[in-house]
Amino acid sequence: MEGLNPTMLSRIVGHLEAAKLVLRTPDENDARVAHLAVTAAGRALHDEIKRERTEALMVALAELTKDERQAVLLALPALERLDEQLRTRIQ
């Protein structure tokens, strides 16, 4: 989905595994396949990043004028549709 080549993806997973953010286990039937599971540390980091991004968005929105916030609100349906179209194309 992200357009990464297998070698690059393997390196990224290796870094995540080394940081104890994911657990990699081999597939019982196919040695080429590995299964990933998020660790508690990985989930905690994800939650922290999500919270920080939400807080940053709230601060940025608060700095907009009332009219600008209204324009963002009115644009949300179109942005949601655009997101859905992009997700459909990737699958």
PDB file of N, CA and C in Angstrom:
ATOM      1  N   MET A   1       0.814  -1.202   0.000  1.00  0.00           N
ATOM      2  CA  MET A   1       0.000   0.000   0.000  1.00  0.00           C
ATOM      3  C   MET A   1       0.857   1.264   0.000  1.00  0.00           C
ATOM      4  N   GLU A   2       1.987   1.203   0.654  1.00  0.00           N
ATOM      5  CA  GLU A   2       2.840   2.382   0.761  1.00  0.00           C
ATOM      6  C   GLU A   2       3.845   2.487  -0.384  1.00  0.00           C
ATOM      7  N   GLY A   3       3.880   1.506  -1.244  1.00  0.00           N
ATOM      8  CA  GLY A   3       4.789   1.555  -2.372  1.00  0.00           C
ATOM      9  C   GLY A   3       6.234   1.266  -2.007  1.00  0.00           C
ATOM     10  N   LEU A   4       6.460   0.595  -0.899  1.00  0.00           N
ATOM     11  CA  LEU A   4       7.824   0.265  -0.486  1.00  0.00           C
ATOM     12  C   LEU A   4       8.266  -1.038  -1.137  1.00  0.00           C
ATOM     13  N   ASN A   5       9.528  -1.095  -1.508  1.00  0.00           N
ATOM     14  CA  ASN A   5      10.025  -2.362  -2.043  1.00  0.00           C
ATOM     15  C   ASN A   5      10.276  -3.313  -0.872  1.00  0.00           C
ATOM     16  N   PRO A   6      10.267  -4.612  -1.111  1.00  0.00           N
ATOM     17  CA  PRO A   6      10.414  -5.584  -0.024  1.00  0.00           C
ATOM     18  C   PRO A   6      11.679  -5.410   0.815  1.00  0.00           C
ATOM     19  N   THR A   7      12.774  -5.033   0.181  1.00  0.00           N
ATOM     20  CA  THR A   7      14.013  -4.841   0.930  1.00  0.00           C
ATOM     21  C   THR A   7      13.880  -3.685   1.910  1.00  0.00           C
ATOM     22  N   MET A   8      13.322  -2.581   1.442  1.00  0.00           N
ATOM     23  CA  MET A   8      13.138  -1.420   2.314  1.00  0.00           C
ATOM     24  C   MET A   8      12.165  -1.752   3.442  1.00  0.00           C
ATOM     25  N   LEU A   9      11.098  -2.436   3.118  1.00  0.00           N
ATOM     26  CA  LEU A   9      10.118  -2.810   4.135  1.00  0.00           C
ATOM     27  C   LEU A   9      10.755  -3.721   5.182  1.00  0.00           C
ATOM     28  N   SER A  10      11.572  -4.653   4.746  1.00  0.00           N
ATOM     29  CA  SER A  10      12.252  -5.549   5.675  1.00  0.00           C
ATOM     30  C   SER A  10      13.162  -4.766   6.616  1.00  0.00           C
ATOM     31  N   ARG A  11      13.854  -3.763   6.106  1.00  0.00           N
ATOM     32  CA  ARG A  11      14.720  -2.922   6.945  1.00  0.00           C
ATOM     33  C   ARG A  11      13.900  -2.157   7.980  1.00  0.00           C
ATOM     34  N   ILE A  12      12.777  -1.602   7.528  1.00  0.00           N
ATOM     35  CA  ILE A  12      11.913  -0.848   8.441  1.00  0.00           C
ATOM     36  C   ILE A  12      11.408  -1.762   9.556  1.00  0.00           C
ATOM     37  N   VAL A  13      10.935  -2.945   9.172  1.00  0.00           N
ATOM     38  CA  VAL A  13      10.453  -3.905  10.170  1.00  0.00           C
ATOM     39  C   VAL A  13      11.586  -4.290  11.112  1.00  0.00           C
ATOM     40  N   GLY A  14      12.783  -4.453  10.589  1.00  0.00           N
ATOM     41  CA  GLY A  14      13.932  -4.764  11.427  1.00  0.00           C
ATOM     42  C   GLY A  14      14.188  -3.693  12.478  1.00  0.00           C
ATOM     43  N   HIS A  15      14.071  -2.439  12.073  1.00  0.00           N
ATOM     44  CA  HIS A  15      14.256  -1.334  13.025  1.00  0.00           C
ATOM     45  C   HIS A  15      13.144  -1.330  14.069  1.00  0.00           C
ATOM     46  N   LEU A  16      11.918  -1.563  13.625  1.00  0.00           N
ATOM     47  CA  LEU A  16      10.793  -1.618  14.573  1.00  0.00           C
ATOM     48  C   LEU A  16      10.963  -2.771  15.556  1.00  0.00           C
ATOM     49  N   GLU A  17      11.443  -3.898  15.045  1.00  0.00           N
ATOM     50  CA  GLU A  17      11.667  -5.065  15.890  1.00  0.00           C
ATOM     51  C   GLU A  17      12.805  -4.793  16.891  1.00  0.00           C
ATOM     52  N   ALA A  18      13.877  -4.185  16.423  1.00  0.00           N
ATOM     53  CA  ALA A  18      15.004  -3.862  17.300  1.00  0.00           C
ATOM     54  C   ALA A  18      14.588  -2.895  18.407  1.00  0.00           C
ATOM     55  N   ALA A  19      13.651  -2.023  18.083  1.00  0.00           N
ATOM     56  CA  ALA A  19      13.146  -1.067  19.076  1.00  0.00           C
ATOM     57  C   ALA A  19      12.062  -1.683  19.959  1.00  0.00           C
ATOM     58  N   LYS A  20      11.776  -2.952  19.732  1.00  0.00           N
ATOM     59  CA  LYS A  20      10.762  -3.692  20.489  1.00  0.00           C
ATOM     60  C   LYS A  20       9.365  -3.096  20.337  1.00  0.00           C
ATOM     61  N   LEU A  21       9.093  -2.564  19.135  1.00  0.00           N
ATOM     62  CA  LEU A  21       7.776  -2.006  18.844  1.00  0.00           C
ATOM     63  C   LEU A  21       6.872  -3.018  18.154  1.00  0.00           C
ATOM     64  N   VAL A  22       7.489  -4.016  17.502  1.00  0.00           N
ATOM     65  CA  VAL A  22       6.745  -5.117  16.887  1.00  0.00           C
ATOM     66  C   VAL A  22       7.454  -6.428  17.198  1.00  0.00           C
ATOM     67  N   LEU A  23       6.685  -7.494  17.107  1.00  0.00           N
ATOM     68  CA  LEU A  23       7.223  -8.835  17.272  1.00  0.00           C
ATOM     69  C   LEU A  23       7.026  -9.561  15.950  1.00  0.00           C
ATOM     70  N   ARG A  24       8.114 -10.095  15.404  1.00  0.00           N
ATOM     71  CA  ARG A  24       8.062 -10.808  14.126  1.00  0.00           C
ATOM     72  C   ARG A  24       8.160 -12.309  14.401  1.00  0.00           C
ATOM     73  N   THR A  25       7.211 -13.058  13.841  1.00  0.00           N
ATOM     74  CA  THR A  25       7.260 -14.516  13.978  1.00  0.00           C
ATOM     75  C   THR A  25       7.153 -15.135  12.584  1.00  0.00           C
ATOM     76  N   PRO A  26       7.920 -16.172  12.333  1.00  0.00           N
ATOM     77  CA  PRO A  26       7.872 -16.809  11.002  1.00  0.00           C
ATOM     78  C   PRO A  26       6.570 -17.584  10.809  1.00  0.00           C
ATOM     79  N   ASP A  27       6.152 -17.681   9.574  1.00  0.00           N
ATOM     80  CA  ASP A  27       4.989 -18.488   9.216  1.00  0.00           C
ATOM     81  C   ASP A  27       5.369 -19.961   9.291  1.00  0.00           C
ATOM     82  N   GLU A  28       4.489 -20.769   9.819  1.00  0.00           N
ATOM     83  CA  GLU A  28       4.783 -22.201   9.964  1.00  0.00           C
ATOM     84  C   GLU A  28       4.871 -22.925   8.626  1.00  0.00           C
ATOM     85  N   ASN A  29       4.156 -22.419   7.620  1.00  0.00           N
ATOM     86  CA  ASN A  29       4.065 -23.116   6.342  1.00  0.00           C
ATOM     87  C   ASN A  29       4.898 -22.515   5.221  1.00  0.00           C
ATOM     88  N   ASP A  30       5.315 -21.268   5.383  1.00  0.00           N
ATOM     89  CA  ASP A  30       6.023 -20.586   4.306  1.00  0.00           C
ATOM     90  C   ASP A  30       7.151 -19.746   4.905  1.00  0.00           C
ATOM     91  N   ALA A  31       8.382 -20.178   4.709  1.00  0.00           N
ATOM     92  CA  ALA A  31       9.537 -19.497   5.302  1.00  0.00           C
ATOM     93  C   ALA A  31       9.722 -18.075   4.771  1.00  0.00           C
ATOM     94  N   ARG A  32       9.104 -17.751   3.650  1.00  0.00           N
ATOM     95  CA  ARG A  32       9.219 -16.395   3.099  1.00  0.00           C
ATOM     96  C   ARG A  32       8.299 -15.406   3.805  1.00  0.00           C
ATOM     97  N   VAL A  33       7.369 -15.917   4.593  1.00  0.00           N
ATOM     98  CA  VAL A  33       6.347 -15.083   5.223  1.00  0.00           C
ATOM     99  C   VAL A  33       6.668 -14.885   6.695  1.00  0.00           C
ATOM    100  N   ALA A  34       6.485 -13.657   7.155  1.00  0.00           N
ATOM    101  CA  ALA A  34       6.616 -13.347   8.581  1.00  0.00           C
ATOM    102  C   ALA A  34       5.339 -12.644   9.024  1.00  0.00           C
ATOM    103  N   HIS A  35       4.942 -12.905  10.240  1.00  0.00           N
ATOM    104  CA  HIS A  35       3.772 -12.248  10.823  1.00  0.00           C
ATOM    105  C   HIS A  35       4.254 -11.227  11.839  1.00  0.00           C
ATOM    106  N   LEU A  36       3.591 -10.081  11.862  1.00  0.00           N
ATOM    107  CA  LEU A  36       3.964  -9.016  12.789  1.00  0.00           C
ATOM    108  C   LEU A  36       2.844  -8.775  13.777  1.00  0.00           C
ATOM    109  N   ALA A  37       3.221  -8.477  14.993  1.00  0.00           N
ATOM    110  CA  ALA A  37       2.268  -8.094  16.031  1.00  0.00           C
ATOM    111  C   ALA A  37       2.837  -6.880  16.754  1.00  0.00           C
ATOM    112  N   VAL A  38       1.972  -5.944  17.056  1.00  0.00           N
ATOM    113  CA  VAL A  38       2.395  -4.757  17.788  1.00  0.00           C
ATOM    114  C   VAL A  38       2.608  -5.138  19.250  1.00  0.00           C
ATOM    115  N   THR A  39       3.708  -4.685  19.824  1.00  0.00           N
ATOM    116  CA  THR A  39       3.979  -4.933  21.242  1.00  0.00           C
ATOM    117  C   THR A  39       3.285  -3.851  22.079  1.00  0.00           C
ATOM    118  N   ALA A  40       3.295  -4.041  23.379  1.00  0.00           N
ATOM    119  CA  ALA A  40       2.725  -3.031  24.275  1.00  0.00           C
ATOM    120  C   ALA A  40       3.454  -1.696  24.096  1.00  0.00           C
ATOM    121  N   ALA A  41       4.766  -1.757  23.929  1.00  0.00           N
ATOM    122  CA  ALA A  41       5.550  -0.525  23.715  1.00  0.00           C
ATOM    123  C   ALA A  41       5.165   0.126  22.388  1.00  0.00           C
ATOM    124  N   GLY A  42       4.934  -0.686  21.369  1.00  0.00           N
ATOM    125  CA  GLY A  42       4.520  -0.155  20.073  1.00  0.00           C
ATOM    126  C   GLY A  42       3.163   0.511  20.152  1.00  0.00           C
ATOM    127  N   ARG A  43       2.241  -0.120  20.855  1.00  0.00           N
ATOM    128  CA  ARG A  43       0.894   0.454  21.031  1.00  0.00           C
ATOM    129  C   ARG A  43       0.973   1.754  21.811  1.00  0.00           C
ATOM    130  N   ALA A  44       1.795   1.778  22.855  1.00  0.00           N
ATOM    131  CA  ALA A  44       1.940   2.997  23.659  1.00  0.00           C
ATOM    132  C   ALA A  44       2.516   4.135  22.821  1.00  0.00           C
ATOM    133  N   LEU A  45       3.516   3.839  21.988  1.00  0.00           N
ATOM    134  CA  LEU A  45       4.100   4.865  21.120  1.00  0.00           C
ATOM    135  C   LEU A  45       3.074   5.361  20.112  1.00  0.00           C
ATOM    136  N   HIS A  46       2.319   4.450  19.528  1.00  0.00           N
ATOM    137  CA  HIS A  46       1.267   4.833  18.579  1.00  0.00           C
ATOM    138  C   HIS A  46       0.268   5.772  19.254  1.00  0.00           C
ATOM    139  N   ASP A  47      -0.168   5.403  20.443  1.00  0.00           N
ATOM    140  CA  ASP A  47      -1.143   6.223  21.161  1.00  0.00           C
ATOM    141  C   ASP A  47      -0.579   7.605  21.483  1.00  0.00           C
ATOM    142  N   GLU A  48       0.702   7.651  21.873  1.00  0.00           N
ATOM    143  CA  GLU A  48       1.341   8.931  22.187  1.00  0.00           C
ATOM    144  C   GLU A  48       1.433   9.827  20.943  1.00  0.00           C
ATOM    145  N   ILE A  49       1.845   9.251  19.825  1.00  0.00           N
ATOM    146  CA  ILE A  49       1.950  10.019  18.580  1.00  0.00           C
ATOM    147  C   ILE A  49       0.579  10.519  18.149  1.00  0.00           C
ATOM    148  N   LYS A  50      -0.414   9.662  18.246  1.00  0.00           N
ATOM    149  CA  LYS A  50      -1.781  10.053  17.873  1.00  0.00           C
ATOM    150  C   LYS A  50      -2.266  11.209  18.749  1.00  0.00           C
ATOM    151  N   ARG A  51      -2.015  11.120  20.055  1.00  0.00           N
ATOM    152  CA  ARG A  51      -2.419  12.185  20.972  1.00  0.00           C
ATOM    153  C   ARG A  51      -1.700  13.500  20.638  1.00  0.00           C
ATOM    154  N   GLU A  52      -0.399  13.422  20.364  1.00  0.00           N
ATOM    155  CA  GLU A  52       0.361  14.624  20.036  1.00  0.00           C
ATOM    156  C   GLU A  52      -0.124  15.252  18.736  1.00  0.00           C
ATOM    157  N   ARG A  53      -0.450  14.425  17.736  1.00  0.00           N
ATOM    158  CA  ARG A  53      -0.956  14.949  16.464  1.00  0.00           C
ATOM    159  C   ARG A  53      -2.317  15.612  16.656  1.00  0.00           C
ATOM    160  N   THR A  54      -3.161  15.002  17.488  1.00  0.00           N
ATOM    161  CA  THR A  54      -4.476  15.584  17.756  1.00  0.00           C
ATOM    162  C   THR A  54      -4.327  16.921  18.458  1.00  0.00           C
ATOM    163  N   GLU A  55      -3.437  16.984  19.444  1.00  0.00           N
ATOM    164  CA  GLU A  55      -3.204  18.242  20.157  1.00  0.00           C
ATOM    165  C   GLU A  55      -2.669  19.316  19.214  1.00  0.00           C
ATOM    166  N   ALA A  56      -1.744  18.950  18.327  1.00  0.00           N
ATOM    167  CA  ALA A  56      -1.193  19.920  17.372  1.00  0.00           C
ATOM    168  C   ALA A  56      -2.282  20.439  16.441  1.00  0.00           C
ATOM    169  N   LEU A  57      -3.164  19.552  16.002  1.00  0.00           N
ATOM    170  CA  LEU A  57      -4.267  19.974  15.139  1.00  0.00           C
ATOM    171  C   LEU A  57      -5.205  20.914  15.879  1.00  0.00           C
ATOM    172  N   MET A  58      -5.501  20.606  17.124  1.00  0.00           N
ATOM    173  CA  MET A  58      -6.388  21.468  17.912  1.00  0.00           C
ATOM    174  C   MET A  58      -5.794  22.862  18.092  1.00  0.00           C
ATOM    175  N   VAL A  59      -4.493  22.931  18.352  1.00  0.00           N
ATOM    176  CA  VAL A  59      -3.831  24.228  18.508  1.00  0.00           C
ATOM    177  C   VAL A  59      -3.896  25.007  17.188  1.00  0.00           C
ATOM    178  N   ALA A  60      -3.610  24.312  16.086  1.00  0.00           N
ATOM    179  CA  ALA A  60      -3.617  24.980  14.779  1.00  0.00           C
ATOM    180  C   ALA A  60      -5.027  25.466  14.432  1.00  0.00           C
ATOM    181  N   LEU A  61      -6.025  24.651  14.701  1.00  0.00           N
ATOM    182  CA  LEU A  61      -7.410  25.070  14.425  1.00  0.00           C
ATOM    183  C   LEU A  61      -7.815  26.262  15.281  1.00  0.00           C
ATOM    184  N   ALA A  62      -7.361  26.279  16.518  1.00  0.00           N
ATOM    185  CA  ALA A  62      -7.699  27.380  17.421  1.00  0.00           C
ATOM    186  C   ALA A  62      -7.105  28.707  16.942  1.00  0.00           C
ATOM    187  N   GLU A  63      -6.030  28.638  16.171  1.00  0.00           N
ATOM    188  CA  GLU A  63      -5.386  29.856  15.669  1.00  0.00           C
ATOM    189  C   GLU A  63      -6.068  30.403  14.420  1.00  0.00           C
ATOM    190  N   LEU A  64      -6.972  29.616  13.839  1.00  0.00           N
ATOM    191  CA  LEU A  64      -7.713  30.093  12.669  1.00  0.00           C
ATOM    192  C   LEU A  64      -8.832  31.027  13.107  1.00  0.00           C
ATOM    193  N   THR A  65      -9.252  31.873  12.182  1.00  0.00           N
ATOM    194  CA  THR A  65     -10.405  32.727  12.467  1.00  0.00           C
ATOM    195  C   THR A  65     -11.668  31.867  12.438  1.00  0.00           C
ATOM    196  N   LYS A  66     -12.757  32.419  12.940  1.00  0.00           N
ATOM    197  CA  LYS A  66     -14.038  31.711  12.928  1.00  0.00           C
ATOM    198  C   LYS A  66     -14.434  31.350  11.502  1.00  0.00           C
ATOM    199  N   ASP A  67     -14.254  32.274  10.562  1.00  0.00           N
ATOM    200  CA  ASP A  67     -14.583  32.003   9.151  1.00  0.00           C
ATOM    201  C   ASP A  67     -13.705  30.899   8.572  1.00  0.00           C
ATOM    202  N   GLU A  68     -12.427  30.906   8.921  1.00  0.00           N
ATOM    203  CA  GLU A  68     -11.520  29.863   8.427  1.00  0.00           C
ATOM    204  C   GLU A  68     -11.909  28.491   8.986  1.00  0.00           C
ATOM    205  N   ARG A  69     -12.267  28.451  10.272  1.00  0.00           N
ATOM    206  CA  ARG A  69     -12.713  27.178  10.862  1.00  0.00           C
ATOM    207  C   ARG A  69     -13.993  26.691  10.186  1.00  0.00           C
ATOM    208  N   GLN A  70     -14.886  27.597   9.862  1.00  0.00           N
ATOM    209  CA  GLN A  70     -16.119  27.228   9.172  1.00  0.00           C
ATOM    210  C   GLN A  70     -15.807  26.688   7.777  1.00  0.00           C
ATOM    211  N   ALA A  71     -14.851  27.292   7.094  1.00  0.00           N
ATOM    212  CA  ALA A  71     -14.453  26.809   5.766  1.00  0.00           C
ATOM    213  C   ALA A  71     -13.882  25.398   5.855  1.00  0.00           C
ATOM    214  N   VAL A  72     -13.085  25.132   6.870  1.00  0.00           N
ATOM    215  CA  VAL A  72     -12.546  23.775   7.072  1.00  0.00           C
ATOM    216  C   VAL A  72     -13.684  22.799   7.321  1.00  0.00           C
ATOM    217  N   LEU A  73     -14.627  23.181   8.149  1.00  0.00           N
ATOM    218  CA  LEU A  73     -15.771  22.325   8.452  1.00  0.00           C
ATOM    219  C   LEU A  73     -16.573  22.008   7.191  1.00  0.00           C
ATOM    220  N   LEU A  74     -16.795  23.008   6.377  1.00  0.00           N
ATOM    221  CA  LEU A  74     -17.554  22.806   5.139  1.00  0.00           C
ATOM    222  C   LEU A  74     -16.800  21.941   4.133  1.00  0.00           C
ATOM    223  N   ALA A  75     -15.473  21.948   4.203  1.00  0.00           N
ATOM    224  CA  ALA A  75     -14.660  21.162   3.274  1.00  0.00           C
ATOM    225  C   ALA A  75     -14.551  19.692   3.680  1.00  0.00           C
ATOM    226  N   LEU A  76     -14.898  19.354   4.913  1.00  0.00           N
ATOM    227  CA  LEU A  76     -14.704  17.986   5.399  1.00  0.00           C
ATOM    228  C   LEU A  76     -15.402  16.915   4.561  1.00  0.00           C
ATOM    229  N   PRO A  77     -16.653  17.084   4.149  1.00  0.00           N
ATOM    230  CA  PRO A  77     -17.262  16.027   3.332  1.00  0.00           C
ATOM    231  C   PRO A  77     -16.490  15.748   2.042  1.00  0.00           C
ATOM    232  N   ALA A  78     -16.022  16.785   1.378  1.00  0.00           N
ATOM    233  CA  ALA A  78     -15.248  16.593   0.148  1.00  0.00           C
ATOM    234  C   ALA A  78     -13.912  15.917   0.449  1.00  0.00           C
ATOM    235  N   LEU A  79     -13.272  16.289   1.541  1.00  0.00           N
ATOM    236  CA  LEU A  79     -12.005  15.666   1.917  1.00  0.00           C
ATOM    237  C   LEU A  79     -12.200  14.194   2.288  1.00  0.00           C
ATOM    238  N   GLU A  80     -13.301  13.890   2.970  1.00  0.00           N
ATOM    239  CA  GLU A  80     -13.590  12.499   3.310  1.00  0.00           C
ATOM    240  C   GLU A  80     -13.839  11.671   2.053  1.00  0.00           C
ATOM    241  N   ARG A  81     -14.534  12.242   1.086  1.00  0.00           N
ATOM    242  CA  ARG A  81     -14.777  11.546  -0.181  1.00  0.00           C
ATOM    243  C   ARG A  81     -13.462  11.325  -0.925  1.00  0.00           C
ATOM    244  N   LEU A  82     -12.605  12.330  -0.941  1.00  0.00           N
ATOM    245  CA  LEU A  82     -11.296  12.203  -1.577  1.00  0.00           C
ATOM    246  C   LEU A  82     -10.486  11.091  -0.919  1.00  0.00           C
ATOM    247  N   ASP A  83     -10.502  11.043   0.398  1.00  0.00           N
ATOM    248  CA  ASP A  83      -9.797   9.995   1.130  1.00  0.00           C
ATOM    249  C   ASP A  83     -10.328   8.618   0.734  1.00  0.00           C
ATOM    250  N   GLU A  84     -11.630   8.472   0.662  1.00  0.00           N
ATOM    251  CA  GLU A  84     -12.231   7.187   0.287  1.00  0.00           C
ATOM    252  C   GLU A  84     -11.827   6.794  -1.131  1.00  0.00           C
ATOM    253  N   GLN A  85     -11.818   7.734  -2.062  1.00  0.00           N
ATOM    254  CA  GLN A  85     -11.418   7.447  -3.438  1.00  0.00           C
ATOM    255  C   GLN A  85      -9.971   6.970  -3.492  1.00  0.00           C
ATOM    256  N   LEU A  86      -9.102   7.625  -2.739  1.00  0.00           N
ATOM    257  CA  LEU A  86      -7.698   7.229  -2.728  1.00  0.00           C
ATOM    258  C   LEU A  86      -7.510   5.851  -2.114  1.00  0.00           C
ATOM    259  N   ARG A  87      -8.216   5.565  -1.037  1.00  0.00           N
ATOM    260  CA  ARG A  87      -8.106   4.247  -0.409  1.00  0.00           C
ATOM    261  C   ARG A  87      -8.611   3.151  -1.337  1.00  0.00           C
ATOM    262  N   THR A  88      -9.650   3.421  -2.083  1.00  0.00           N
ATOM    263  CA  THR A  88     -10.201   2.443  -3.021  1.00  0.00           C
ATOM    264  C   THR A  88      -9.200   2.133  -4.129  1.00  0.00           C
ATOM    265  N   ARG A  89      -8.496   3.141  -4.599  1.00  0.00           N
ATOM    266  CA  ARG A  89      -7.505   2.938  -5.670  1.00  0.00           C
ATOM    267  C   ARG A  89      -6.312   2.133  -5.207  1.00  0.00           C
ATOM    268  N   ILE A  90      -5.945   2.261  -3.949  1.00  0.00           N
ATOM    269  CA  ILE A  90      -4.785   1.558  -3.419  1.00  0.00           C
ATOM    270  C   ILE A  90      -5.061   0.072  -3.276  1.00  0.00           C
ATOM    271  N   GLN A  91      -6.264  -0.285  -2.947  1.00  0.00           N
ATOM    272  CA  GLN A  91      -6.609  -1.695  -2.686  1.00  0.00           C
ATOM    273  C   GLN A  91      -6.665  -2.500  -3.916  1.00  0.00           C
TER     274      GLN A  91
END
